[in-house]
Amino acid sequence: MSTPYHIKIAPPAVQQIKQLSAKQQKILFKLAEALSMNPRPPGANKISGMTGLYSETVSPLRLVYKIEEQDVLLLLVKTA
């Protein structure tokens, strides 16, 4: 079993998360927990031209994150 990744949240993403509904926050935190175990799950899209940048969509949320060694940095949270 692999070592879990540490989830870090960039300050702009913290502000975006605060604006989400409680239900959306719950979805986001479940997604973050899953990413801590596997930051490159099936369905995650590598953002071309950007090293280590990925996006994951769990309707209605889109999460943009960067993988750095054993860290996953949440950069952006958007609603569809």
PDB file of N, CA and C in Angstrom:
ATOM      1  N   MET A   1       0.849  -1.187   0.000  1.00  0.00           N
ATOM      2  CA  MET A   1       0.000   0.000   0.000  1.00  0.00           C
ATOM      3  C   MET A   1       0.888   1.242   0.000  1.00  0.00           C
ATOM      4  N   SER A   2       0.504   2.232  -0.778  1.00  0.00           N
ATOM      5  CA  SER A   2       1.317   3.440  -0.877  1.00  0.00           C
ATOM      6  C   SER A   2       1.059   4.371   0.309  1.00  0.00           C
ATOM      7  N   THR A   3       2.037   5.215   0.550  1.00  0.00           N
ATOM      8  CA  THR A   3       1.925   6.198   1.618  1.00  0.00           C
ATOM      9  C   THR A   3       0.929   7.271   1.200  1.00  0.00           C
ATOM     10  N   PRO A   4       0.013   7.652   2.079  1.00  0.00           N
ATOM     11  CA  PRO A   4      -0.945   8.706   1.709  1.00  0.00           C
ATOM     12  C   PRO A   4      -0.236  10.033   1.410  1.00  0.00           C
ATOM     13  N   TYR A   5      -0.787  10.753   0.477  1.00  0.00           N
ATOM     14  CA  TYR A   5      -0.291  12.088   0.148  1.00  0.00           C
ATOM     15  C   TYR A   5      -0.874  13.078   1.149  1.00  0.00           C
ATOM     16  N   HIS A   6      -0.156  14.153   1.392  1.00  0.00           N
ATOM     17  CA  HIS A   6      -0.648  15.228   2.257  1.00  0.00           C
ATOM     18  C   HIS A   6      -1.464  16.181   1.389  1.00  0.00           C
ATOM     19  N   ILE A   7      -2.635  16.545   1.830  1.00  0.00           N
ATOM     20  CA  ILE A   7      -3.478  17.490   1.111  1.00  0.00           C
ATOM     21  C   ILE A   7      -3.209  18.883   1.666  1.00  0.00           C
ATOM     22  N   LYS A   8      -2.867  19.799   0.795  1.00  0.00           N
ATOM     23  CA  LYS A   8      -2.686  21.203   1.171  1.00  0.00           C
ATOM     24  C   LYS A   8      -3.659  22.023   0.325  1.00  0.00           C
ATOM     25  N   ILE A   9      -4.133  23.112   0.879  1.00  0.00           N
ATOM     26  CA  ILE A   9      -5.117  23.946   0.172  1.00  0.00           C
ATOM     27  C   ILE A   9      -4.557  25.355   0.033  1.00  0.00           C
ATOM     28  N   ALA A  10      -4.449  25.815  -1.210  1.00  0.00           N
ATOM     29  CA  ALA A  10      -3.958  27.167  -1.472  1.00  0.00           C
ATOM     30  C   ALA A  10      -4.976  28.182  -0.942  1.00  0.00           C
ATOM     31  N   PRO A  11      -4.495  29.337  -0.449  1.00  0.00           N
ATOM     32  CA  PRO A  11      -5.419  30.350   0.100  1.00  0.00           C
ATOM     33  C   PRO A  11      -6.594  30.722  -0.819  1.00  0.00           C
ATOM     34  N   PRO A  12      -6.403  30.899  -2.137  1.00  0.00           N
ATOM     35  CA  PRO A  12      -7.569  31.211  -2.972  1.00  0.00           C
ATOM     36  C   PRO A  12      -8.603  30.078  -2.981  1.00  0.00           C
ATOM     37  N   ALA A  13      -8.134  28.832  -2.921  1.00  0.00           N
ATOM     38  CA  ALA A  13      -9.058  27.701  -2.889  1.00  0.00           C
ATOM     39  C   ALA A  13      -9.829  27.663  -1.573  1.00  0.00           C
ATOM     40  N   VAL A  14      -9.190  28.064  -0.473  1.00  0.00           N
ATOM     41  CA  VAL A  14      -9.876  28.118   0.823  1.00  0.00           C
ATOM     42  C   VAL A  14     -11.075  29.058   0.716  1.00  0.00           C
ATOM     43  N   GLN A  15     -10.864  30.208   0.105  1.00  0.00           N
ATOM     44  CA  GLN A  15     -11.960  31.179  -0.061  1.00  0.00           C
ATOM     45  C   GLN A  15     -13.075  30.599  -0.936  1.00  0.00           C
ATOM     46  N   GLN A  16     -12.699  29.884  -1.987  1.00  0.00           N
ATOM     47  CA  GLN A  16     -13.699  29.277  -2.877  1.00  0.00           C
ATOM     48  C   GLN A  16     -14.489  28.196  -2.143  1.00  0.00           C
ATOM     49  N   ILE A  17     -13.797  27.406  -1.315  1.00  0.00           N
ATOM     50  CA  ILE A  17     -14.459  26.339  -0.557  1.00  0.00           C
ATOM     51  C   ILE A  17     -15.469  26.937   0.421  1.00  0.00           C
ATOM     52  N   LYS A  18     -15.114  28.052   1.053  1.00  0.00           N
ATOM     53  CA  LYS A  18     -16.020  28.701   2.012  1.00  0.00           C
ATOM     54  C   LYS A  18     -17.328  29.138   1.354  1.00  0.00           C
ATOM     55  N   GLN A  19     -17.306  29.382   0.036  1.00  0.00           N
ATOM     56  CA  GLN A  19     -18.500  29.843  -0.668  1.00  0.00           C
ATOM     57  C   GLN A  19     -19.389  28.681  -1.134  1.00  0.00           C
ATOM     58  N   LEU A  20     -18.911  27.455  -0.980  1.00  0.00           N
ATOM     59  CA  LEU A  20     -19.696  26.296  -1.392  1.00  0.00           C
ATOM     60  C   LEU A  20     -20.756  25.972  -0.354  1.00  0.00           C
ATOM     61  N   SER A  21     -21.802  25.287  -0.794  1.00  0.00           N
ATOM     62  CA  SER A  21     -22.820  24.819   0.145  1.00  0.00           C
ATOM     63  C   SER A  21     -22.225  23.684   0.986  1.00  0.00           C
ATOM     64  N   ALA A  22     -22.879  23.367   2.087  1.00  0.00           N
ATOM     65  CA  ALA A  22     -22.402  22.288   2.956  1.00  0.00           C
ATOM     66  C   ALA A  22     -22.328  20.971   2.179  1.00  0.00           C
ATOM     67  N   LYS A  23     -23.304  20.723   1.325  1.00  0.00           N
ATOM     68  CA  LYS A  23     -23.322  19.495   0.521  1.00  0.00           C
ATOM     69  C   LYS A  23     -22.131  19.466  -0.442  1.00  0.00           C
ATOM     70  N   GLN A  24     -21.842  20.596  -1.086  1.00  0.00           N
ATOM     71  CA  GLN A  24     -20.712  20.665  -2.005  1.00  0.00           C
ATOM     72  C   GLN A  24     -19.387  20.504  -1.264  1.00  0.00           C
ATOM     73  N   GLN A  25     -19.288  21.078  -0.069  1.00  0.00           N
ATOM     74  CA  GLN A  25     -18.072  20.927   0.736  1.00  0.00           C
ATOM     75  C   GLN A  25     -17.849  19.459   1.089  1.00  0.00           C
ATOM     76  N   LYS A  26     -18.925  18.755   1.426  1.00  0.00           N
ATOM     77  CA  LYS A  26     -18.817  17.333   1.765  1.00  0.00           C
ATOM     78  C   LYS A  26     -18.299  16.549   0.560  1.00  0.00           C
ATOM     79  N   ILE A  27     -18.820  16.836  -0.625  1.00  0.00           N
ATOM     80  CA  ILE A  27     -18.358  16.181  -1.854  1.00  0.00           C
ATOM     81  C   ILE A  27     -16.877  16.473  -2.059  1.00  0.00           C
ATOM     82  N   LEU A  28     -16.496  17.722  -1.884  1.00  0.00           N
ATOM     83  CA  LEU A  28     -15.107  18.132  -2.084  1.00  0.00           C
ATOM     84  C   LEU A  28     -14.176  17.418  -1.099  1.00  0.00           C
ATOM     85  N   PHE A  29     -14.557  17.332   0.156  1.00  0.00           N
ATOM     86  CA  PHE A  29     -13.688  16.700   1.146  1.00  0.00           C
ATOM     87  C   PHE A  29     -13.560  15.195   0.900  1.00  0.00           C
ATOM     88  N   LYS A  30     -14.628  14.555   0.401  1.00  0.00           N
ATOM     89  CA  LYS A  30     -14.527  13.135   0.039  1.00  0.00           C
ATOM     90  C   LYS A  30     -13.569  12.969  -1.139  1.00  0.00           C
ATOM     91  N   LEU A  31     -13.650  13.879  -2.100  1.00  0.00           N
ATOM     92  CA  LEU A  31     -12.739  13.840  -3.248  1.00  0.00           C
ATOM     93  C   LEU A  31     -11.303  14.053  -2.793  1.00  0.00           C
ATOM     94  N   ALA A  32     -11.072  15.009  -1.908  1.00  0.00           N
ATOM     95  CA  ALA A  32      -9.718  15.280  -1.398  1.00  0.00           C
ATOM     96  C   ALA A  32      -9.178  14.059  -0.652  1.00  0.00           C
ATOM     97  N   GLU A  33     -10.034  13.403   0.120  1.00  0.00           N
ATOM     98  CA  GLU A  33      -9.614  12.203   0.836  1.00  0.00           C
ATOM     99  C   GLU A  33      -9.199  11.103  -0.146  1.00  0.00           C
ATOM    100  N   ALA A  34      -9.966  10.935  -1.216  1.00  0.00           N
ATOM    101  CA  ALA A  34      -9.629   9.938  -2.236  1.00  0.00           C
ATOM    102  C   ALA A  34      -8.315  10.300  -2.929  1.00  0.00           C
ATOM    103  N   LEU A  35      -8.115  11.591  -3.199  1.00  0.00           N
ATOM    104  CA  LEU A  35      -6.875  12.030  -3.852  1.00  0.00           C
ATOM    105  C   LEU A  35      -5.658  11.810  -2.955  1.00  0.00           C
ATOM    106  N   SER A  36      -5.853  11.827  -1.644  1.00  0.00           N
ATOM    107  CA  SER A  36      -4.726  11.593  -0.743  1.00  0.00           C
ATOM    108  C   SER A  36      -4.209  10.162  -0.870  1.00  0.00           C
ATOM    109  N   MET A  37      -5.067   9.251  -1.293  1.00  0.00           N
ATOM    110  CA  MET A  37      -4.659   7.857  -1.478  1.00  0.00           C
ATOM    111  C   MET A  37      -4.205   7.585  -2.909  1.00  0.00           C
ATOM    112  N   ASN A  38      -4.821   8.271  -3.889  1.00  0.00           N
ATOM    113  CA  ASN A  38      -4.479   8.082  -5.301  1.00  0.00           C
ATOM    114  C   ASN A  38      -4.701   9.401  -6.041  1.00  0.00           C
ATOM    115  N   PRO A  39      -3.652  10.229  -6.172  1.00  0.00           N
ATOM    116  CA  PRO A  39      -3.839  11.534  -6.798  1.00  0.00           C
ATOM    117  C   PRO A  39      -3.985  11.483  -8.324  1.00  0.00           C
ATOM    118  N   ARG A  40      -3.828  10.298  -8.902  1.00  0.00           N
ATOM    119  CA  ARG A  40      -3.997  10.151 -10.351  1.00  0.00           C
ATOM    120  C   ARG A  40      -5.043   9.075 -10.651  1.00  0.00           C
ATOM    121  N   PRO A  41      -6.282   9.280 -10.173  1.00  0.00           N
ATOM    122  CA  PRO A  41      -7.313   8.252 -10.386  1.00  0.00           C
ATOM    123  C   PRO A  41      -7.793   8.238 -11.833  1.00  0.00           C
ATOM    124  N   PRO A  42      -8.428   7.137 -12.245  1.00  0.00           N
ATOM    125  CA  PRO A  42      -9.040   7.134 -13.579  1.00  0.00           C
ATOM    126  C   PRO A  42     -10.031   8.290 -13.668  1.00  0.00           C
ATOM    127  N   GLY A  43     -10.006   9.009 -14.749  1.00  0.00           N
ATOM    128  CA  GLY A  43     -10.904  10.154 -14.918  1.00  0.00           C
ATOM    129  C   GLY A  43     -10.256  11.482 -14.592  1.00  0.00           C
ATOM    130  N   ALA A  44      -9.122  11.469 -13.900  1.00  0.00           N
ATOM    131  CA  ALA A  44      -8.402  12.721 -13.638  1.00  0.00           C
ATOM    132  C   ALA A  44      -7.727  13.143 -14.936  1.00  0.00           C
ATOM    133  N   ASN A  45      -7.801  14.403 -15.245  1.00  0.00           N
ATOM    134  CA  ASN A  45      -7.235  14.918 -16.491  1.00  0.00           C
ATOM    135  C   ASN A  45      -5.950  15.672 -16.208  1.00  0.00           C
ATOM    136  N   LYS A  46      -4.875  15.249 -16.880  1.00  0.00           N
ATOM    137  CA  LYS A  46      -3.618  15.993 -16.780  1.00  0.00           C
ATOM    138  C   LYS A  46      -3.785  17.241 -17.639  1.00  0.00           C
ATOM    139  N   ILE A  47      -3.452  18.387 -17.094  1.00  0.00           N
ATOM    140  CA  ILE A  47      -3.583  19.637 -17.835  1.00  0.00           C
ATOM    141  C   ILE A  47      -2.333  19.795 -18.686  1.00  0.00           C
ATOM    142  N   SER A  48      -2.526  19.792 -20.003  1.00  0.00           N
ATOM    143  CA  SER A  48      -1.394  19.822 -20.923  1.00  0.00           C
ATOM    144  C   SER A  48      -0.630  21.132 -20.813  1.00  0.00           C
ATOM    145  N   GLY A  49       0.691  21.025 -20.918  1.00  0.00           N
ATOM    146  CA  GLY A  49       1.552  22.193 -20.854  1.00  0.00           C
ATOM    147  C   GLY A  49       1.876  22.648 -19.446  1.00  0.00           C
ATOM    148  N   MET A  50       1.336  21.973 -18.445  1.00  0.00           N
ATOM    149  CA  MET A  50       1.562  22.362 -17.047  1.00  0.00           C
ATOM    150  C   MET A  50       2.073  21.139 -16.288  1.00  0.00           C
ATOM    151  N   THR A  51       3.283  21.203 -15.774  1.00  0.00           N
ATOM    152  CA  THR A  51       3.888  20.077 -15.073  1.00  0.00           C
ATOM    153  C   THR A  51       3.166  19.775 -13.769  1.00  0.00           C
ATOM    154  N   GLY A  52       2.691  18.539 -13.639  1.00  0.00           N
ATOM    155  CA  GLY A  52       2.087  18.078 -12.401  1.00  0.00           C
ATOM    156  C   GLY A  52       0.710  18.624 -12.103  1.00  0.00           C
ATOM    157  N   LEU A  53       0.064  19.285 -13.072  1.00  0.00           N
ATOM    158  CA  LEU A  53      -1.254  19.879 -12.843  1.00  0.00           C
ATOM    159  C   LEU A  53      -2.339  18.954 -13.388  1.00  0.00           C
ATOM    160  N   TYR A  54      -3.370  18.741 -12.569  1.00  0.00           N
ATOM    161  CA  TYR A  54      -4.467  17.849 -12.930  1.00  0.00           C
ATOM    162  C   TYR A  54      -5.796  18.512 -12.595  1.00  0.00           C
ATOM    163  N   SER A  55      -6.855  18.029 -13.243  1.00  0.00           N
ATOM    164  CA  SER A  55      -8.196  18.468 -12.853  1.00  0.00           C
ATOM    165  C   SER A  55      -9.068  17.233 -12.695  1.00  0.00           C
ATOM    166  N   GLU A  56     -10.001  17.340 -11.787  1.00  0.00           N
ATOM    167  CA  GLU A  56     -10.931  16.260 -11.493  1.00  0.00           C
ATOM    168  C   GLU A  56     -12.303  16.897 -11.366  1.00  0.00           C
ATOM    169  N   THR A  57     -13.296  16.300 -12.020  1.00  0.00           N
ATOM    170  CA  THR A  57     -14.641  16.833 -11.965  1.00  0.00           C
ATOM    171  C   THR A  57     -15.563  15.824 -11.304  1.00  0.00           C
ATOM    172  N   VAL A  58     -16.245  16.267 -10.267  1.00  0.00           N
ATOM    173  CA  VAL A  58     -17.325  15.510  -9.635  1.00  0.00           C
ATOM    174  C   VAL A  58     -18.478  16.493  -9.620  1.00  0.00           C
ATOM    175  N   SER A  59     -19.382  16.289 -10.547  1.00  0.00           N
ATOM    176  CA  SER A  59     -20.453  17.252 -10.768  1.00  0.00           C
ATOM    177  C   SER A  59     -21.113  17.646  -9.448  1.00  0.00           C
ATOM    178  N   PRO A  60     -21.278  18.922  -9.194  1.00  0.00           N
ATOM    179  CA  PRO A  60     -21.049  20.081 -10.046  1.00  0.00           C
ATOM    180  C   PRO A  60     -19.688  20.743  -9.819  1.00  0.00           C
ATOM    181  N   LEU A  61     -18.750  20.047  -9.155  1.00  0.00           N
ATOM    182  CA  LEU A  61     -17.482  20.677  -8.794  1.00  0.00           C
ATOM    183  C   LEU A  61     -16.353  20.294  -9.742  1.00  0.00           C
ATOM    184  N   ARG A  62     -15.468  21.252  -9.983  1.00  0.00           N
ATOM    185  CA  ARG A  62     -14.233  20.984 -10.715  1.00  0.00           C
ATOM    186  C   ARG A  62     -13.090  21.430  -9.821  1.00  0.00           C
ATOM    187  N   LEU A  63     -12.154  20.532  -9.636  1.00  0.00           N
ATOM    188  CA  LEU A  63     -11.019  20.764  -8.766  1.00  0.00           C
ATOM    189  C   LEU A  63      -9.748  20.743  -9.593  1.00  0.00           C
ATOM    190  N   VAL A  64      -8.908  21.754  -9.441  1.00  0.00           N
ATOM    191  CA  VAL A  64      -7.610  21.789 -10.102  1.00  0.00           C
ATOM    192  C   VAL A  64      -6.564  21.653  -9.005  1.00  0.00           C
ATOM    193  N   TYR A  65      -5.632  20.712  -9.218  1.00  0.00           N
ATOM    194  CA  TYR A  65      -4.634  20.459  -8.187  1.00  0.00           C
ATOM    195  C   TYR A  65      -3.286  20.134  -8.796  1.00  0.00           C
ATOM    196  N   LYS A  66      -2.251  20.267  -7.975  1.00  0.00           N
ATOM    197  CA  LYS A  66      -0.879  20.007  -8.394  1.00  0.00           C
ATOM    198  C   LYS A  66      -0.297  18.937  -7.479  1.00  0.00           C
ATOM    199  N   ILE A  67       0.391  17.977  -8.090  1.00  0.00           N
ATOM    200  CA  ILE A  67       1.042  16.921  -7.326  1.00  0.00           C
ATOM    201  C   ILE A  67       2.520  17.275  -7.207  1.00  0.00           C
ATOM    202  N   GLU A  68       3.002  17.360  -5.973  1.00  0.00           N
ATOM    203  CA  GLU A  68       4.403  17.680  -5.696  1.00  0.00           C
ATOM    204  C   GLU A  68       4.927  16.673  -4.685  1.00  0.00           C
ATOM    205  N   GLU A  69       5.777  15.755  -5.117  1.00  0.00           N
ATOM    206  CA  GLU A  69       6.341  14.715  -4.255  1.00  0.00           C
ATOM    207  C   GLU A  69       5.218  14.009  -3.506  1.00  0.00           C
ATOM    208  N   GLN A  70       5.120  14.169  -2.175  1.00  0.00           N
ATOM    209  CA  GLN A  70       4.063  13.509  -1.401  1.00  0.00           C
ATOM    210  C   GLN A  70       2.950  14.475  -1.011  1.00  0.00           C
ATOM    211  N   ASP A  71       2.854  15.602  -1.717  1.00  0.00           N
ATOM    212  CA  ASP A  71       1.810  16.589  -1.442  1.00  0.00           C
ATOM    213  C   ASP A  71       0.873  16.721  -2.627  1.00  0.00           C
ATOM    214  N   VAL A  72      -0.393  16.962  -2.330  1.00  0.00           N
ATOM    215  CA  VAL A  72      -1.389  17.333  -3.330  1.00  0.00           C
ATOM    216  C   VAL A  72      -1.869  18.713  -2.932  1.00  0.00           C
ATOM    217  N   LEU A  73      -1.608  19.715  -3.779  1.00  0.00           N
ATOM    218  CA  LEU A  73      -1.974  21.097  -3.493  1.00  0.00           C
ATOM    219  C   LEU A  73      -3.237  21.457  -4.266  1.00  0.00           C
ATOM    220  N   LEU A  74      -4.352  21.691  -3.540  1.00  0.00           N
ATOM    221  CA  LEU A  74      -5.598  22.103  -4.168  1.00  0.00           C
ATOM    222  C   LEU A  74      -5.480  23.574  -4.526  1.00  0.00           C
ATOM    223  N   LEU A  75      -5.606  23.866  -5.815  1.00  0.00           N
ATOM    224  CA  LEU A  75      -5.403  25.229  -6.285  1.00  0.00           C
ATOM    225  C   LEU A  75      -6.701  25.985  -6.568  1.00  0.00           C
ATOM    226  N   LEU A  76      -7.694  25.279  -7.100  1.00  0.00           N
ATOM    227  CA  LEU A  76      -8.896  25.945  -7.587  1.00  0.00           C
ATOM    228  C   LEU A  76     -10.091  25.035  -7.435  1.00  0.00           C
ATOM    229  N   VAL A  77     -11.203  25.592  -6.979  1.00  0.00           N
ATOM    230  CA  VAL A  77     -12.454  24.859  -6.892  1.00  0.00           C
ATOM    231  C   VAL A  77     -13.504  25.700  -7.602  1.00  0.00           C
ATOM    232  N   LYS A  78     -14.144  25.103  -8.612  1.00  0.00           N
ATOM    233  CA  LYS A  78     -15.163  25.830  -9.364  1.00  0.00           C
ATOM    234  C   LYS A  78     -16.446  25.006  -9.397  1.00  0.00           C
ATOM    235  N   THR A  79     -17.555  25.698  -9.464  1.00  0.00           N
ATOM    236  CA  THR A  79     -18.830  25.001  -9.647  1.00  0.00           C
ATOM    237  C   THR A  79     -19.255  25.164 -11.097  1.00  0.00           C
ATOM    238  N   ALA A  80     -19.906  24.138 -11.593  1.00  0.00           N
ATOM    239  CA  ALA A  80     -20.347  24.145 -13.000  1.00  0.00           C
ATOM    240  C   ALA A  80     -21.553  25.035 -13.188  1.00  0.00           C
TER     241      ALA A  80
END
